[in-house]
N, C-alpha and C. Protein backbone atom coordinates (compact mmCIF):
# COMPACT_ATOMS: atom_id res chain seq x y z
N MET A 1 106.67 78.41 76.67
CA MET A 1 105.91 79.42 77.59
C MET A 1 105.18 80.34 76.53
N PHE A 2 104.18 80.99 77.09
CA PHE A 2 103.52 81.96 76.30
C PHE A 2 104.20 83.16 75.94
N PRO A 3 103.96 83.66 74.87
CA PRO A 3 104.20 85.18 74.59
C PRO A 3 103.33 86.21 75.05
N VAL A 4 103.65 87.25 75.31
CA VAL A 4 103.04 88.51 76.20
C VAL A 4 102.02 88.72 75.10
N GLY A 5 100.72 89.11 75.43
CA GLY A 5 99.51 89.29 74.74
C GLY A 5 98.83 88.34 74.15
N GLN A 6 99.21 86.75 74.10
CA GLN A 6 98.47 85.82 73.59
C GLN A 6 97.58 85.38 74.47
N THR A 7 96.35 85.24 73.82
CA THR A 7 95.15 84.42 74.68
C THR A 7 95.32 83.09 74.88
N VAL A 8 95.25 83.15 76.18
CA VAL A 8 95.53 81.46 76.59
C VAL A 8 94.24 80.97 77.39
N TYR A 9 93.83 79.62 77.79
CA TYR A 9 93.03 79.06 78.36
C TYR A 9 93.23 78.02 79.32
N HIS A 10 92.42 78.05 80.42
CA HIS A 10 92.50 77.19 81.39
C HIS A 10 92.22 75.90 81.14
N ARG A 11 92.81 74.93 81.57
CA ARG A 11 92.55 73.42 80.86
C ARG A 11 91.64 72.70 81.51
N THR A 12 91.27 73.30 82.54
CA THR A 12 89.86 72.47 83.15
C THR A 12 88.92 73.46 83.57
N ARG A 13 88.99 74.66 84.06
CA ARG A 13 88.40 75.66 84.45
C ARG A 13 88.04 76.61 83.05
N LYS A 14 86.57 77.16 83.22
CA LYS A 14 86.15 78.13 81.99
C LYS A 14 86.40 79.32 82.35
N LEU A 15 88.03 79.47 81.96
CA LEU A 15 88.64 80.85 82.22
C LEU A 15 89.58 81.09 81.05
N SER A 16 89.81 82.12 80.58
CA SER A 16 90.64 82.38 79.59
C SER A 16 91.09 84.00 79.76
N GLY A 17 92.43 84.57 79.23
CA GLY A 17 92.83 85.89 79.32
C GLY A 17 94.38 86.01 78.44
N LYS A 18 94.52 87.17 78.54
CA LYS A 18 95.66 87.27 77.68
C LYS A 18 96.91 87.54 78.53
N VAL A 19 98.14 86.99 78.10
CA VAL A 19 99.21 86.94 79.03
C VAL A 19 100.07 88.26 79.00
N GLN A 20 100.11 88.60 80.62
CA GLN A 20 100.80 89.74 80.54
C GLN A 20 102.30 89.85 81.00
N GLU A 21 102.41 88.69 81.64
CA GLU A 21 103.79 88.29 82.13
C GLU A 21 104.18 86.87 82.41
N CYS A 22 105.07 86.14 82.31
CA CYS A 22 105.52 85.18 82.65
C CYS A 22 106.89 85.39 83.59
N VAL A 23 106.96 84.72 84.89
CA VAL A 23 107.83 84.64 85.64
C VAL A 23 107.92 83.24 86.32
N GLY A 24 109.21 82.66 85.80
CA GLY A 24 109.51 81.30 86.15
C GLY A 24 108.37 80.20 85.42
N ASP A 25 107.51 79.62 86.27
CA ASP A 25 106.30 78.57 85.81
C ASP A 25 105.07 79.35 86.04
N ILE A 26 105.40 80.42 86.34
CA ILE A 26 103.82 81.35 86.74
C ILE A 26 103.52 82.21 85.48
N VAL A 27 102.40 82.25 85.24
CA VAL A 27 101.94 83.09 83.68
C VAL A 27 100.73 83.91 84.61
N TYR A 28 100.85 85.23 84.21
CA TYR A 28 100.11 86.48 84.73
C TYR A 28 99.14 86.84 83.60
N LEU A 29 97.88 86.54 83.83
CA LEU A 29 96.91 86.54 82.94
C LEU A 29 95.98 87.81 83.27
N MET A 30 95.46 88.72 82.05
CA MET A 30 94.54 89.69 82.08
C MET A 30 92.98 89.55 81.56
N GLN A 31 92.25 89.18 82.33
CA GLN A 31 90.78 88.70 81.84
C GLN A 31 90.13 90.06 81.24
N ASP A 32 89.14 89.66 80.14
CA ASP A 32 88.37 90.70 79.79
C ASP A 32 87.73 91.83 80.58
N ASN A 33 87.77 91.29 81.96
CA ASN A 33 86.96 92.35 82.81
C ASN A 33 87.89 93.03 83.57
N GLY A 34 89.29 92.85 83.40
CA GLY A 34 90.38 93.64 84.04
C GLY A 34 91.00 93.03 85.00
N VAL A 35 90.44 91.97 85.76
CA VAL A 35 90.90 91.37 86.50
C VAL A 35 92.48 90.48 86.45
N GLU A 36 93.42 90.45 87.03
CA GLU A 36 94.63 89.91 86.62
C GLU A 36 94.69 88.37 87.63
N ILE A 37 94.57 87.39 86.93
CA ILE A 37 94.80 85.97 87.79
C ILE A 37 96.18 85.58 87.14
N GLU A 38 96.64 84.61 88.10
CA GLU A 38 97.93 83.81 87.67
C GLU A 38 97.53 82.44 87.95
N PHE A 39 98.55 81.48 87.22
CA PHE A 39 98.52 80.22 87.05
C PHE A 39 99.55 79.72 86.71
N PRO A 40 99.87 78.26 87.10
CA PRO A 40 101.10 77.50 86.69
C PRO A 40 101.19 77.25 85.16
N SER A 41 102.13 77.28 84.36
CA SER A 41 101.96 77.31 82.94
C SER A 41 101.53 75.94 82.47
N GLY A 42 101.69 74.97 83.42
CA GLY A 42 100.98 73.64 82.99
C GLY A 42 99.47 73.43 83.08
N GLU A 43 99.03 74.22 83.82
CA GLU A 43 97.48 74.36 83.73
C GLU A 43 96.97 75.08 82.46
N LEU A 44 97.90 75.69 81.78
CA LEU A 44 97.17 76.74 80.48
C LEU A 44 97.20 75.84 79.21
N THR A 45 96.56 76.39 78.38
CA THR A 45 96.81 75.87 76.83
C THR A 45 96.68 77.22 75.79
N ALA A 46 97.26 77.28 74.78
CA ALA A 46 97.04 78.28 73.56
C ALA A 46 95.64 77.88 72.94
N ALA A 47 95.02 76.62 73.01
CA ALA A 47 94.12 76.17 72.05
C ALA A 47 93.05 76.38 73.28
N PRO A 48 91.60 76.73 72.64
CA PRO A 48 90.57 76.74 73.64
C PRO A 48 89.89 75.22 73.69
N PRO A 49 89.50 75.18 74.83
CA PRO A 49 89.02 73.61 75.31
C PRO A 49 87.86 73.16 74.18
N THR A 50 87.78 72.22 73.41
CA THR A 50 86.93 71.79 72.38
C THR A 50 85.50 71.30 73.50
N GLY A 51 84.58 72.08 72.80
CA GLY A 51 83.06 71.59 73.29
C GLY A 51 82.76 72.46 74.49
N LYS A 52 83.65 73.20 75.08
CA LYS A 52 83.21 74.15 75.95
C LYS A 52 83.52 75.73 75.63
N ARG A 53 82.16 76.22 76.39
CA ARG A 53 82.52 77.67 75.93
C ARG A 53 83.25 78.53 77.21
N VAL A 54 84.56 78.98 76.99
CA VAL A 54 85.03 79.56 77.86
C VAL A 54 84.71 81.13 78.19
N ALA A 55 84.76 81.69 79.37
CA ALA A 55 84.08 82.89 79.33
C ALA A 55 85.09 83.47 80.83
N PRO A 56 84.79 84.99 80.95
CA PRO A 56 85.63 85.55 81.87
C PRO A 56 84.80 84.94 83.18
N LEU A 57 85.86 85.10 84.40
CA LEU A 57 85.30 84.45 85.66
C LEU A 57 84.01 85.68 85.94
N VAL A 58 84.28 86.77 85.71
CA VAL A 58 82.85 87.52 85.92
C VAL A 58 82.22 88.37 84.75
N PRO A 59 80.94 88.30 84.76
CA PRO A 59 80.22 88.88 83.29
C PRO A 59 80.85 90.34 83.19
N VAL A 60 81.14 90.44 82.05
CA VAL A 60 81.93 91.76 81.59
C VAL A 60 80.67 92.62 80.78
N ALA A 61 80.58 93.90 81.19
CA ALA A 61 79.68 95.19 80.99
C ALA A 61 79.99 95.23 79.49
N PRO A 62 79.41 95.77 78.60
CA PRO A 62 80.01 96.29 77.08
C PRO A 62 81.10 97.30 77.09
N SER A 63 81.86 97.27 76.52
CA SER A 63 82.48 98.42 76.67
C SER A 63 81.90 99.58 75.97
N ARG A 64 82.27 100.83 76.63
CA ARG A 64 81.45 101.92 76.40
C ARG A 64 82.47 103.10 76.30
N VAL A 65 82.17 104.08 75.42
CA VAL A 65 83.01 105.10 75.60
C VAL A 65 82.31 106.44 76.25
N LEU A 66 82.88 107.13 76.97
CA LEU A 66 82.27 108.29 77.50
C LEU A 66 82.25 109.63 76.59
N THR A 67 81.12 110.20 76.66
CA THR A 67 80.89 111.61 76.08
C THR A 67 81.00 112.76 77.26
N ASP A 68 81.03 113.67 76.49
CA ASP A 68 80.95 114.75 77.58
C ASP A 68 79.47 115.12 78.07
N ALA A 69 78.66 114.54 77.42
CA ALA A 69 77.37 114.39 78.06
C ALA A 69 77.12 113.52 78.96
N ASP A 70 77.76 112.44 79.42
CA ASP A 70 78.04 111.57 80.43
C ASP A 70 78.54 111.98 81.58
N ILE A 71 79.20 113.03 81.49
CA ILE A 71 80.22 113.49 82.81
C ILE A 71 79.29 114.15 83.95
N THR A 72 79.46 113.49 85.29
CA THR A 72 78.73 113.87 86.42
C THR A 72 79.83 114.53 87.42
N PRO A 73 79.34 115.26 88.39
CA PRO A 73 80.59 115.30 89.53
C PRO A 73 81.60 114.23 89.70
N GLU A 74 80.80 113.03 89.92
CA GLU A 74 81.83 111.86 90.37
C GLU A 74 82.82 111.45 89.22
N HIS A 75 82.34 111.57 88.15
CA HIS A 75 83.45 111.64 87.00
C HIS A 75 84.68 112.64 87.40
N ARG A 76 84.35 113.61 87.59
CA ARG A 76 85.39 114.46 88.02
C ARG A 76 86.14 114.27 89.45
N LYS A 77 85.31 113.81 89.86
CA LYS A 77 86.10 113.32 91.46
C LYS A 77 87.23 111.98 91.16
N VAL A 78 86.51 111.25 90.61
CA VAL A 78 87.44 110.06 90.20
C VAL A 78 88.63 110.68 89.37
N LEU A 79 88.58 111.54 88.45
CA LEU A 79 89.75 111.76 87.73
C LEU A 79 90.78 112.61 88.76
N THR A 80 90.07 113.21 89.44
CA THR A 80 91.39 113.90 90.58
C THR A 80 91.73 113.11 91.53
N SER A 81 91.23 111.74 91.56
CA SER A 81 91.89 110.86 92.13
C SER A 81 92.80 109.97 91.75
N ILE A 82 93.27 110.28 90.67
CA ILE A 82 94.22 109.49 89.84
C ILE A 82 95.61 110.27 90.40
N PRO A 83 96.40 109.37 90.54
CA PRO A 83 98.04 109.97 91.21
C PRO A 83 98.53 111.04 89.96
N GLN A 84 99.01 112.11 90.75
CA GLN A 84 99.51 112.95 89.76
C GLN A 84 100.42 112.48 88.92
N ARG A 85 101.56 111.63 89.31
CA ARG A 85 102.46 110.98 88.39
C ARG A 85 101.89 110.19 87.53
N THR A 86 101.03 109.57 87.69
CA THR A 86 100.14 108.77 86.63
C THR A 86 99.45 109.59 85.59
N LEU A 87 99.02 110.69 85.88
CA LEU A 87 98.47 111.44 84.73
C LEU A 87 99.63 112.28 84.19
N GLN A 88 100.71 112.30 84.81
CA GLN A 88 101.70 113.07 84.22
C GLN A 88 102.26 111.67 83.01
N SER A 89 102.37 110.79 83.45
CA SER A 89 102.56 109.59 82.52
C SER A 89 101.78 109.40 81.25
N VAL A 90 100.52 109.64 81.42
CA VAL A 90 99.50 109.65 80.59
C VAL A 90 99.47 110.40 79.61
N ALA A 91 99.85 111.81 80.12
CA ALA A 91 99.97 112.93 79.52
C ALA A 91 101.05 112.88 78.32
N LEU A 92 102.27 112.46 78.82
CA LEU A 92 103.27 112.42 77.94
C LEU A 92 103.01 111.29 76.94
N LEU A 93 102.45 110.16 77.13
CA LEU A 93 102.00 109.02 76.05
C LEU A 93 101.12 109.63 75.06
N PHE A 94 100.15 110.50 75.64
CA PHE A 94 99.19 111.17 74.76
C PHE A 94 99.84 112.39 73.63
N GLU A 95 100.75 113.03 74.15
CA GLU A 95 101.47 114.41 73.40
C GLU A 95 102.34 113.85 72.45
N ARG A 96 103.05 112.59 72.89
CA ARG A 96 103.85 111.70 71.93
C ARG A 96 103.39 111.30 70.48
N ARG A 97 102.12 111.41 70.58
CA ARG A 97 101.10 110.72 69.27
C ARG A 97 101.25 111.84 68.46
N PRO A 98 101.19 111.25 67.08
CA PRO A 98 101.48 112.70 66.02
C PRO A 98 99.97 113.38 65.99
N LYS A 99 99.90 114.56 66.06
CA LYS A 99 98.86 115.64 66.01
C LYS A 99 97.90 115.44 67.08
N ALA A 100 98.79 114.87 68.43
CA ALA A 100 97.47 114.85 69.26
C ALA A 100 97.49 116.18 70.25
N GLY A 101 98.26 116.96 70.18
CA GLY A 101 97.95 118.55 71.00
C GLY A 101 98.40 118.05 72.29
N ARG A 102 97.92 118.86 72.96
CA ARG A 102 98.13 119.08 74.55
C ARG A 102 97.05 118.30 75.33
N PHE A 103 97.38 117.23 76.24
CA PHE A 103 96.46 116.64 77.15
C PHE A 103 95.54 117.42 78.07
N SER A 104 96.34 118.48 78.35
CA SER A 104 95.60 119.26 79.28
C SER A 104 94.37 120.13 78.72
N VAL A 105 94.32 120.15 77.32
CA VAL A 105 93.04 120.48 76.81
C VAL A 105 91.88 119.69 76.61
N LEU A 106 92.36 118.60 76.66
CA LEU A 106 90.85 117.62 76.71
C LEU A 106 89.73 117.54 77.68
N ASP A 107 88.56 117.32 77.34
CA ASP A 107 87.66 117.26 78.43
C ASP A 107 87.67 116.19 79.05
N VAL A 108 86.93 115.94 80.30
CA VAL A 108 86.96 115.13 81.16
C VAL A 108 86.61 114.07 80.56
N ALA A 109 85.77 113.75 79.47
CA ALA A 109 85.36 112.40 78.87
C ALA A 109 86.59 112.01 78.08
N GLN A 110 87.03 112.58 77.48
CA GLN A 110 88.48 112.42 76.67
C GLN A 110 89.43 111.95 77.54
N LYS A 111 89.74 112.62 78.65
CA LYS A 111 90.89 112.34 79.52
C LYS A 111 90.59 110.87 80.12
N ILE A 112 89.62 110.51 80.46
CA ILE A 112 89.14 109.42 81.16
C ILE A 112 88.97 108.06 80.17
N ASN A 113 88.74 108.30 79.14
CA ASN A 113 88.79 107.31 77.89
C ASN A 113 90.24 107.25 77.63
N PHE A 114 91.04 108.17 77.43
CA PHE A 114 92.40 108.12 77.09
C PHE A 114 92.93 107.07 78.38
N ILE A 115 92.73 107.73 79.42
CA ILE A 115 93.46 106.87 80.68
C ILE A 115 92.72 105.48 80.58
N ALA A 116 91.64 105.24 80.55
CA ALA A 116 91.21 103.80 80.48
C ALA A 116 91.84 102.66 79.41
N ASP A 117 92.08 103.64 78.62
CA ASP A 117 92.55 102.84 77.19
C ASP A 117 94.00 102.63 77.44
N VAL A 118 95.10 103.53 77.94
CA VAL A 118 96.53 103.08 78.00
C VAL A 118 96.88 102.68 79.18
N THR A 119 95.95 102.54 80.28
CA THR A 119 96.37 101.39 81.40
C THR A 119 95.50 100.48 81.46
N ALA A 120 94.39 100.24 80.58
CA ALA A 120 93.65 99.08 80.66
C ALA A 120 93.04 98.99 82.19
N VAL A 121 92.80 100.03 82.62
CA VAL A 121 91.85 99.98 83.76
C VAL A 121 90.75 100.84 83.25
N PRO A 122 89.44 100.07 83.36
CA PRO A 122 87.99 100.55 83.07
C PRO A 122 87.61 101.87 84.05
N TYR A 123 87.00 102.54 83.76
CA TYR A 123 86.36 103.68 84.63
C TYR A 123 85.56 103.01 85.67
N ARG A 124 84.93 101.83 85.64
CA ARG A 124 84.23 101.30 86.90
C ARG A 124 85.54 100.93 87.83
N THR A 125 86.42 100.50 87.49
CA THR A 125 87.72 100.17 88.55
C THR A 125 87.94 101.41 88.89
N MET A 126 88.40 102.45 88.27
CA MET A 126 88.81 103.77 88.71
C MET A 126 87.91 104.10 89.83
N LYS A 127 86.45 104.21 89.33
CA LYS A 127 85.45 104.46 90.16
C LYS A 127 85.73 103.86 91.68
N GLU A 128 85.78 102.25 91.53
CA GLU A 128 86.12 101.38 92.73
C GLU A 128 87.02 101.89 93.38
N PHE A 129 88.30 102.32 92.90
CA PHE A 129 89.55 102.27 93.92
C PHE A 129 89.83 104.07 94.37
N SER A 130 88.70 104.73 93.70
CA SER A 130 89.03 106.09 93.85
C SER A 130 89.60 106.61 95.10
N ASP A 131 89.01 105.61 96.09
CA ASP A 131 89.24 106.27 97.51
C ASP A 131 90.63 105.40 97.81
N ARG A 132 91.39 104.65 97.27
CA ARG A 132 92.59 104.39 97.50
C ARG A 132 93.52 104.34 96.06
N PRO A 133 93.95 105.73 96.04
CA PRO A 133 94.78 106.28 95.03
C PRO A 133 96.19 105.35 94.69
N GLY A 134 96.59 104.86 95.89
CA GLY A 134 97.92 104.08 96.01
C GLY A 134 97.74 102.91 95.09
N GLU A 135 96.74 102.21 95.29
CA GLU A 135 96.24 100.86 94.80
C GLU A 135 95.76 101.13 93.19
N LEU A 136 94.97 102.28 93.10
CA LEU A 136 94.80 102.70 91.69
C LEU A 136 96.15 102.94 90.78
N GLY A 137 97.00 103.59 91.32
CA GLY A 137 98.17 103.84 90.77
C GLY A 137 99.26 102.58 90.29
N LEU A 138 98.94 101.84 91.13
CA LEU A 138 99.72 100.54 90.84
C LEU A 138 98.95 99.85 89.90
N MET A 139 97.80 99.73 89.92
CA MET A 139 97.16 98.88 88.80
C MET A 139 97.24 99.76 87.46
N MET A 140 97.35 101.01 87.36
CA MET A 140 97.41 101.74 86.10
C MET A 140 98.93 101.90 85.55
N ALA A 141 99.78 101.92 86.45
CA ALA A 141 100.97 101.61 86.28
C ALA A 141 101.48 100.44 85.58
N ARG A 142 100.96 99.19 85.72
CA ARG A 142 101.27 98.12 85.00
C ARG A 142 100.71 98.13 83.42
N GLY A 143 99.48 98.62 83.29
CA GLY A 143 99.09 98.98 81.66
C GLY A 143 100.10 100.06 81.04
N LEU A 144 100.26 101.16 82.09
CA LEU A 144 101.19 102.11 81.34
C LEU A 144 102.51 101.53 80.78
N SER A 145 102.94 100.59 81.65
CA SER A 145 104.15 99.98 81.26
C SER A 145 104.28 99.59 80.25
N LEU A 146 103.29 98.71 79.88
CA LEU A 146 102.87 97.71 78.54
C LEU A 146 102.73 98.89 77.37
N SER A 147 101.82 100.04 77.82
CA SER A 147 101.61 100.70 76.49
C SER A 147 102.96 101.68 76.23
N SER A 148 103.68 101.61 77.31
CA SER A 148 105.12 102.64 76.88
C SER A 148 105.89 101.56 76.00
N ARG A 149 105.87 100.44 76.53
CA ARG A 149 107.01 99.39 75.33
C ARG A 149 106.42 99.49 74.27
N SER A 150 104.78 99.54 73.97
CA SER A 150 104.43 99.49 72.53
C SER A 150 104.50 100.65 71.79
N SER A 151 104.65 101.85 72.31
CA SER A 151 104.76 102.83 71.71
C SER A 151 105.96 103.64 71.41
N THR A 152 107.07 102.60 71.80
CA THR A 152 108.69 103.21 71.59
C THR A 152 108.84 102.06 70.41
């Protein structure tokens, strides 16, 4: 099977992603755009298909780090929609880092950037699911579990 974190490619479709988990014969992948997909392992390969350009299923916007000048009331609203338990877990991860200080003193942009980084959920997805905090929390929990494993 494929190790977690390895980039794999679909044999016949122009899809690729990083392995998140393997359960039996099913491989769960995270695409660059944050979409999780699954395939039987026999449909995947570790080598990119020759002569074919492999791209994510959906075009990905360039990664962008928010600054304090970018913050609008909408950003603040999205931040408040993140489940409290998720924020507590993110804060713990932040404060365990050497010389990190307290998560609570970060500005909104720094908090959103850190949350997006450790949960692997981009701001656009946070915004899209801000009215469904349960689903948002589940998405973020997956990224948090991976971040927690790598930080220990």
